[in-house]
């Protein structure tokens, strides 16, 4: 899943990283604060991941999703 996340500083990015790492079913693949983009691999619903991101204090919108390669 790829999310657009409003990250205005490195503190925001740290909060996003901490929120996602606390979730056992979410694997953070890429965190790009300059592009305001977060890429994760998960078995959880997209809405659950969006809630995790927004609980970090940043607004988040799902940009896209892809299937697994296995």
PDB file of N, CA and C in Angstrom:
ATOM      1  N   UNK A   1       0.849  -1.178   0.000  1.00  0.00           N
ATOM      2  CA  UNK A   1       0.000   0.000   0.000  1.00  0.00           C
ATOM      3  C   UNK A   1       0.886   1.230   0.000  1.00  0.00           C
ATOM      4  N   UNK A   2       0.492   2.238  -0.752  1.00  0.00           N
ATOM      5  CA  UNK A   2       1.213   3.502  -0.744  1.00  0.00           C
ATOM      6  C   UNK A   2       0.270   4.592  -0.247  1.00  0.00           C
ATOM      7  N   UNK A   3       0.755   5.371   0.701  1.00  0.00           N
ATOM      8  CA  UNK A   3      -0.026   6.451   1.278  1.00  0.00           C
ATOM      9  C   UNK A   3       0.664   7.782   1.065  1.00  0.00           C
ATOM     10  N   UNK A   4      -0.129   8.815   0.813  1.00  0.00           N
ATOM     11  CA  UNK A   4       0.353  10.188   0.854  1.00  0.00           C
ATOM     12  C   UNK A   4       0.140  10.642   2.295  1.00  0.00           C
ATOM     13  N   UNK A   5       1.212  11.058   2.955  1.00  0.00           N
ATOM     14  CA  UNK A   5       1.141  11.429   4.367  1.00  0.00           C
ATOM     15  C   UNK A   5       1.743  12.817   4.541  1.00  0.00           C
ATOM     16  N   UNK A   6       1.003  13.714   5.169  1.00  0.00           N
ATOM     17  CA  UNK A   6       1.494  15.076   5.399  1.00  0.00           C
ATOM     18  C   UNK A   6       2.519  15.051   6.522  1.00  0.00           C
ATOM     19  N   UNK A   7       3.797  15.112   6.139  1.00  0.00           N
ATOM     20  CA  UNK A   7       4.894  15.137   7.106  1.00  0.00           C
ATOM     21  C   UNK A   7       5.639  16.449   6.916  1.00  0.00           C
ATOM     22  N   UNK A   8       5.539  17.336   7.895  1.00  0.00           N
ATOM     23  CA  UNK A   8       6.145  18.661   7.756  1.00  0.00           C
ATOM     24  C   UNK A   8       7.546  18.755   8.353  1.00  0.00           C
ATOM     25  N   UNK A   9       7.963  17.728   9.116  1.00  0.00           N
ATOM     26  CA  UNK A   9       9.296  17.775   9.741  1.00  0.00           C
ATOM     27  C   UNK A   9       9.778  16.352  10.010  1.00  0.00           C
ATOM     28  N   UNK A  10      11.030  16.241  10.470  1.00  0.00           N
ATOM     29  CA  UNK A  10      11.562  14.905  10.768  1.00  0.00           C
ATOM     30  C   UNK A  10      10.854  14.289  11.969  1.00  0.00           C
ATOM     31  N   UNK A  11      10.330  15.115  12.866  1.00  0.00           N
ATOM     32  CA  UNK A  11       9.562  14.606  13.995  1.00  0.00           C
ATOM     33  C   UNK A  11       8.325  13.875  13.521  1.00  0.00           C
ATOM     34  N   UNK A  12       7.682  14.415  12.474  1.00  0.00           N
ATOM     35  CA  UNK A  12       6.506  13.752  11.888  1.00  0.00           C
ATOM     36  C   UNK A  12       6.903  12.390  11.338  1.00  0.00           C
ATOM     37  N   UNK A  13       7.990  12.345  10.607  1.00  0.00           N
ATOM     38  CA  UNK A  13       8.455  11.085  10.024  1.00  0.00           C
ATOM     39  C   UNK A  13       8.781  10.075  11.123  1.00  0.00           C
ATOM     40  N   UNK A  14       9.387  10.539  12.212  1.00  0.00           N
ATOM     41  CA  UNK A  14       9.697   9.648  13.332  1.00  0.00           C
ATOM     42  C   UNK A  14       8.418   9.102  13.964  1.00  0.00           C
ATOM     43  N   UNK A  15       7.392   9.957  14.082  1.00  0.00           N
ATOM     44  CA  UNK A  15       6.110   9.529  14.649  1.00  0.00           C
ATOM     45  C   UNK A  15       5.443   8.485  13.763  1.00  0.00           C
ATOM     46  N   UNK A  16       5.501   8.700  12.447  1.00  0.00           N
ATOM     47  CA  UNK A  16       4.931   7.745  11.497  1.00  0.00           C
ATOM     48  C   UNK A  16       5.657   6.408  11.611  1.00  0.00           C
ATOM     49  N   UNK A  17       6.991   6.450  11.638  1.00  0.00           N
ATOM     50  CA  UNK A  17       7.792   5.222  11.749  1.00  0.00           C
ATOM     51  C   UNK A  17       7.425   4.470  13.037  1.00  0.00           C
ATOM     52  N   UNK A  18       7.336   5.176  14.150  1.00  0.00           N
ATOM     53  CA  UNK A  18       7.019   4.537  15.431  1.00  0.00           C
ATOM     54  C   UNK A  18       5.623   3.912  15.410  1.00  0.00           C
ATOM     55  N   UNK A  19       4.656   4.618  14.828  1.00  0.00           N
ATOM     56  CA  UNK A  19       3.284   4.104  14.776  1.00  0.00           C
ATOM     57  C   UNK A  19       3.211   2.820  13.963  1.00  0.00           C
ATOM     58  N   UNK A  20       3.921   2.771  12.841  1.00  0.00           N
ATOM     59  CA  UNK A  20       3.881   1.589  11.986  1.00  0.00           C
ATOM     60  C   UNK A  20       4.680   0.430  12.579  1.00  0.00           C
ATOM     61  N   UNK A  21       5.811   0.726  13.194  1.00  0.00           N
ATOM     62  CA  UNK A  21       6.630  -0.342  13.768  1.00  0.00           C
ATOM     63  C   UNK A  21       5.951  -0.988  14.968  1.00  0.00           C
ATOM     64  N   UNK A  22       5.007  -0.282  15.601  1.00  0.00           N
ATOM     65  CA  UNK A  22       4.279  -0.842  16.743  1.00  0.00           C
ATOM     66  C   UNK A  22       3.217  -1.844  16.299  1.00  0.00           C
ATOM     67  N   UNK A  23       2.882  -1.852  15.017  1.00  0.00           N
ATOM     68  CA  UNK A  23       1.863  -2.764  14.491  1.00  0.00           C
ATOM     69  C   UNK A  23       2.536  -4.013  13.931  1.00  0.00           C
ATOM     70  N   UNK A  24       2.268  -5.187  14.520  1.00  0.00           N
ATOM     71  CA  UNK A  24       2.966  -6.408  14.083  1.00  0.00           C
ATOM     72  C   UNK A  24       2.618  -6.859  12.667  1.00  0.00           C
ATOM     73  N   UNK A  25       1.452  -6.453  12.165  1.00  0.00           N
ATOM     74  CA  UNK A  25       1.033  -6.909  10.833  1.00  0.00           C
ATOM     75  C   UNK A  25       1.367  -5.917   9.723  1.00  0.00           C
ATOM     76  N   UNK A  26       2.190  -4.900  10.047  1.00  0.00           N
ATOM     77  CA  UNK A  26       2.557  -3.880   9.061  1.00  0.00           C
ATOM     78  C   UNK A  26       4.078  -3.812   8.958  1.00  0.00           C
ATOM     79  N   UNK A  27       4.579  -3.920   7.715  1.00  0.00           N
ATOM     80  CA  UNK A  27       6.029  -3.818   7.479  1.00  0.00           C
ATOM     81  C   UNK A  27       6.283  -2.541   6.680  1.00  0.00           C
ATOM     82  N   UNK A  28       7.058  -1.633   7.264  1.00  0.00           N
ATOM     83  CA  UNK A  28       7.399  -0.382   6.597  1.00  0.00           C
ATOM     84  C   UNK A  28       8.464  -0.658   5.539  1.00  0.00           C
ATOM     85  N   UNK A  29       8.161  -0.350   4.274  1.00  0.00           N
ATOM     86  CA  UNK A  29       9.111  -0.572   3.185  1.00  0.00           C
ATOM     87  C   UNK A  29       9.875   0.709   2.853  1.00  0.00           C
ATOM     88  N   UNK A  30       9.157   1.825   2.749  1.00  0.00           N
ATOM     89  CA  UNK A  30       9.799   3.102   2.425  1.00  0.00           C
ATOM     90  C   UNK A  30       9.103   4.227   3.166  1.00  0.00           C
ATOM     91  N   UNK A  31       9.910   5.140   3.694  1.00  0.00           N
ATOM     92  CA  UNK A  31       9.405   6.352   4.336  1.00  0.00           C
ATOM     93  C   UNK A  31      10.155   7.520   3.709  1.00  0.00           C
ATOM     94  N   UNK A  32       9.434   8.322   2.897  1.00  0.00           N
ATOM     95  CA  UNK A  32      10.068   9.427   2.180  1.00  0.00           C
ATOM     96  C   UNK A  32       9.399  10.737   2.576  1.00  0.00           C
ATOM     97  N   UNK A  33       9.929  11.392   3.623  1.00  0.00           N
ATOM     98  CA  UNK A  33       9.319  12.644   4.093  1.00  0.00           C
ATOM     99  C   UNK A  33       9.287  13.750   3.039  1.00  0.00           C
ATOM    100  N   UNK A  34      10.329  13.876   2.218  1.00  0.00           N
ATOM    101  CA  UNK A  34      10.354  14.933   1.213  1.00  0.00           C
ATOM    102  C   UNK A  34       9.232  14.761   0.199  1.00  0.00           C
ATOM    103  N   UNK A  35       8.933  13.517  -0.179  1.00  0.00           N
ATOM    104  CA  UNK A  35       7.861  13.238  -1.137  1.00  0.00           C
ATOM    105  C   UNK A  35       6.521  13.049  -0.435  1.00  0.00           C
ATOM    106  N   UNK A  36       6.534  13.093   0.912  1.00  0.00           N
ATOM    107  CA  UNK A  36       5.349  12.856   1.736  1.00  0.00           C
ATOM    108  C   UNK A  36       4.689  11.543   1.347  1.00  0.00           C
ATOM    109  N   UNK A  37       5.510  10.494   1.288  1.00  0.00           N
ATOM    110  CA  UNK A  37       5.049   9.187   0.833  1.00  0.00           C
ATOM    111  C   UNK A  37       5.501   8.094   1.800  1.00  0.00           C
ATOM    112  N   UNK A  38       4.603   7.135   2.039  1.00  0.00           N
ATOM    113  CA  UNK A  38       4.899   5.978   2.883  1.00  0.00           C
ATOM    114  C   UNK A  38       4.452   4.728   2.125  1.00  0.00           C
ATOM    115  N   UNK A  39       5.339   3.742   2.047  1.00  0.00           N
ATOM    116  CA  UNK A  39       5.049   2.484   1.368  1.00  0.00           C
ATOM    117  C   UNK A  39       5.139   1.361   2.405  1.00  0.00           C
ATOM    118  N   UNK A  40       4.075   0.564   2.517  1.00  0.00           N
ATOM    119  CA  UNK A  40       4.058  -0.524   3.490  1.00  0.00           C
ATOM    120  C   UNK A  40       3.591  -1.815   2.835  1.00  0.00           C
ATOM    121  N   UNK A  41       3.971  -2.920   3.462  1.00  0.00           N
ATOM    122  CA  UNK A  41       3.464  -4.237   3.090  1.00  0.00           C
ATOM    123  C   UNK A  41       2.694  -4.731   4.306  1.00  0.00           C
ATOM    124  N   UNK A  42       1.470  -5.212   4.101  1.00  0.00           N
ATOM    125  CA  UNK A  42       0.645  -5.571   5.248  1.00  0.00           C
ATOM    126  C   UNK A  42      -0.414  -6.603   4.900  1.00  0.00           C
ATOM    127  N   UNK A  43      -0.869  -7.306   5.925  1.00  0.00           N
ATOM    128  CA  UNK A  43      -2.031  -8.178   5.791  1.00  0.00           C
ATOM    129  C   UNK A  43      -3.264  -7.482   6.366  1.00  0.00           C
ATOM    130  N   UNK A  44      -3.073  -6.308   6.964  1.00  0.00           N
ATOM    131  CA  UNK A  44      -4.176  -5.549   7.553  1.00  0.00           C
ATOM    132  C   UNK A  44      -4.929  -4.784   6.461  1.00  0.00           C
ATOM    133  N   UNK A  45      -6.128  -4.371   6.777  1.00  0.00           N
ATOM    134  CA  UNK A  45      -6.928  -3.576   5.848  1.00  0.00           C
ATOM    135  C   UNK A  45      -6.300  -2.194   5.669  1.00  0.00           C
ATOM    136  N   UNK A  46      -6.479  -1.624   4.484  1.00  0.00           N
ATOM    137  CA  UNK A  46      -5.923  -0.300   4.188  1.00  0.00           C
ATOM    138  C   UNK A  46      -6.433   0.738   5.179  1.00  0.00           C
ATOM    139  N   UNK A  47      -7.687   0.634   5.577  1.00  0.00           N
ATOM    140  CA  UNK A  47      -8.269   1.594   6.525  1.00  0.00           C
ATOM    141  C   UNK A  47      -7.560   1.514   7.878  1.00  0.00           C
ATOM    142  N   UNK A  48      -7.191   0.328   8.300  1.00  0.00           N
ATOM    143  CA  UNK A  48      -6.457   0.156   9.575  1.00  0.00           C
ATOM    144  C   UNK A  48      -5.100   0.844   9.495  1.00  0.00           C
ATOM    145  N   UNK A  49      -4.400   0.694   8.387  1.00  0.00           N
ATOM    146  CA  UNK A  49      -3.092   1.317   8.228  1.00  0.00           C
ATOM    147  C   UNK A  49      -3.249   2.845   8.191  1.00  0.00           C
ATOM    148  N   UNK A  50      -4.285   3.327   7.513  1.00  0.00           N
ATOM    149  CA  UNK A  50      -4.534   4.776   7.478  1.00  0.00           C
ATOM    150  C   UNK A  50      -4.782   5.305   8.895  1.00  0.00           C
ATOM    151  N   UNK A  51      -5.531   4.553   9.687  1.00  0.00           N
ATOM    152  CA  UNK A  51      -5.780   4.964  11.074  1.00  0.00           C
ATOM    153  C   UNK A  51      -4.487   5.016  11.868  1.00  0.00           C
ATOM    154  N   UNK A  52      -3.607   4.036  11.682  1.00  0.00           N
ATOM    155  CA  UNK A  52      -2.309   4.050  12.363  1.00  0.00           C
ATOM    156  C   UNK A  52      -1.527   5.300  11.989  1.00  0.00           C
ATOM    157  N   UNK A  53      -1.510   5.608  10.693  1.00  0.00           N
ATOM    158  CA  UNK A  53      -0.783   6.786  10.225  1.00  0.00           C
ATOM    159  C   UNK A  53      -1.372   8.065  10.833  1.00  0.00           C
ATOM    160  N   UNK A  54      -2.695   8.171  10.838  1.00  0.00           N
ATOM    161  CA  UNK A  54      -3.328   9.381  11.369  1.00  0.00           C
ATOM    162  C   UNK A  54      -3.191   9.473  12.885  1.00  0.00           C
ATOM    163  N   UNK A  55      -3.070   8.338  13.574  1.00  0.00           N
ATOM    164  CA  UNK A  55      -2.839   8.359  15.018  1.00  0.00           C
ATOM    165  C   UNK A  55      -1.464   8.930  15.354  1.00  0.00           C
ATOM    166  N   UNK A  56      -0.572   8.969  14.374  1.00  0.00           N
ATOM    167  CA  UNK A  56       0.754   9.553  14.590  1.00  0.00           C
ATOM    168  C   UNK A  56       0.675  11.081  14.540  1.00  0.00           C
ATOM    169  N   UNK A  57      -0.488  11.618  14.175  1.00  0.00           N
ATOM    170  CA  UNK A  57      -0.668  13.066  14.118  1.00  0.00           C
ATOM    171  C   UNK A  57      -0.581  13.637  12.718  1.00  0.00           C
ATOM    172  N   UNK A  58      -0.450  12.790  11.715  1.00  0.00           N
ATOM    173  CA  UNK A  58      -0.325  13.244  10.330  1.00  0.00           C
ATOM    174  C   UNK A  58      -1.551  12.803   9.526  1.00  0.00           C
ATOM    175  N   UNK A  59      -2.001  13.653   8.624  1.00  0.00           N
ATOM    176  CA  UNK A  59      -3.108  13.269   7.732  1.00  0.00           C
ATOM    177  C   UNK A  59      -2.578  12.299   6.687  1.00  0.00           C
ATOM    178  N   UNK A  60      -3.402  11.310   6.317  1.00  0.00           N
ATOM    179  CA  UNK A  60      -2.967  10.280   5.370  1.00  0.00           C
ATOM    180  C   UNK A  60      -4.086   9.923   4.407  1.00  0.00           C
ATOM    181  N   UNK A  61      -3.694   9.647   3.158  1.00  0.00           N
ATOM    182  CA  UNK A  61      -4.632   9.242   2.102  1.00  0.00           C
ATOM    183  C   UNK A  61      -4.002   8.077   1.345  1.00  0.00           C
ATOM    184  N   UNK A  62      -4.786   7.044   1.090  1.00  0.00           N
ATOM    185  CA  UNK A  62      -4.303   5.900   0.309  1.00  0.00           C
ATOM    186  C   UNK A  62      -4.107   6.347  -1.140  1.00  0.00           C
ATOM    187  N   UNK A  63      -2.893   6.138  -1.665  1.00  0.00           N
ATOM    188  CA  UNK A  63      -2.597   6.490  -3.065  1.00  0.00           C
ATOM    189  C   UNK A  63      -2.759   5.304  -3.994  1.00  0.00           C
ATOM    190  N   UNK A  64      -2.385   4.104  -3.499  1.00  0.00           N
ATOM    191  CA  UNK A  64      -2.481   2.957  -4.369  1.00  0.00           C
ATOM    192  C   UNK A  64      -2.147   1.675  -3.647  1.00  0.00           C
ATOM    193  N   UNK A  65      -2.483   0.556  -4.300  1.00  0.00           N
ATOM    194  CA  UNK A  65      -2.181  -0.749  -3.733  1.00  0.00           C
ATOM    195  C   UNK A  65      -1.874  -1.733  -4.845  1.00  0.00           C
ATOM    196  N   UNK A  66      -1.091  -2.733  -4.483  1.00  0.00           N
ATOM    197  CA  UNK A  66      -0.746  -3.775  -5.437  1.00  0.00           C
ATOM    198  C   UNK A  66      -0.825  -5.124  -4.753  1.00  0.00           C
ATOM    199  N   UNK A  67      -0.910  -6.173  -5.522  1.00  0.00           N
ATOM    200  CA  UNK A  67      -0.962  -7.518  -4.980  1.00  0.00           C
ATOM    201  C   UNK A  67       0.410  -8.047  -4.662  1.00  0.00           C
ATOM    202  N   UNK A  68       0.450  -9.161  -3.959  1.00  0.00           N
ATOM    203  CA  UNK A  68       1.739  -9.790  -3.640  1.00  0.00           C
ATOM    204  C   UNK A  68       2.233 -10.557  -4.870  1.00  0.00           C
ATOM    205  N   UNK A  69       3.533 -10.786  -4.938  1.00  0.00           N
ATOM    206  CA  UNK A  69       4.107 -11.463  -6.087  1.00  0.00           C
ATOM    207  C   UNK A  69       4.149 -12.972  -5.918  1.00  0.00           C
ATOM    208  N   UNK A  70       3.679 -13.504  -4.750  1.00  0.00           N
ATOM    209  CA  UNK A  70       3.699 -14.943  -4.552  1.00  0.00           C
ATOM    210  C   UNK A  70       2.387 -15.525  -4.790  1.00  0.00           C
TER     211      UNK A  70
END
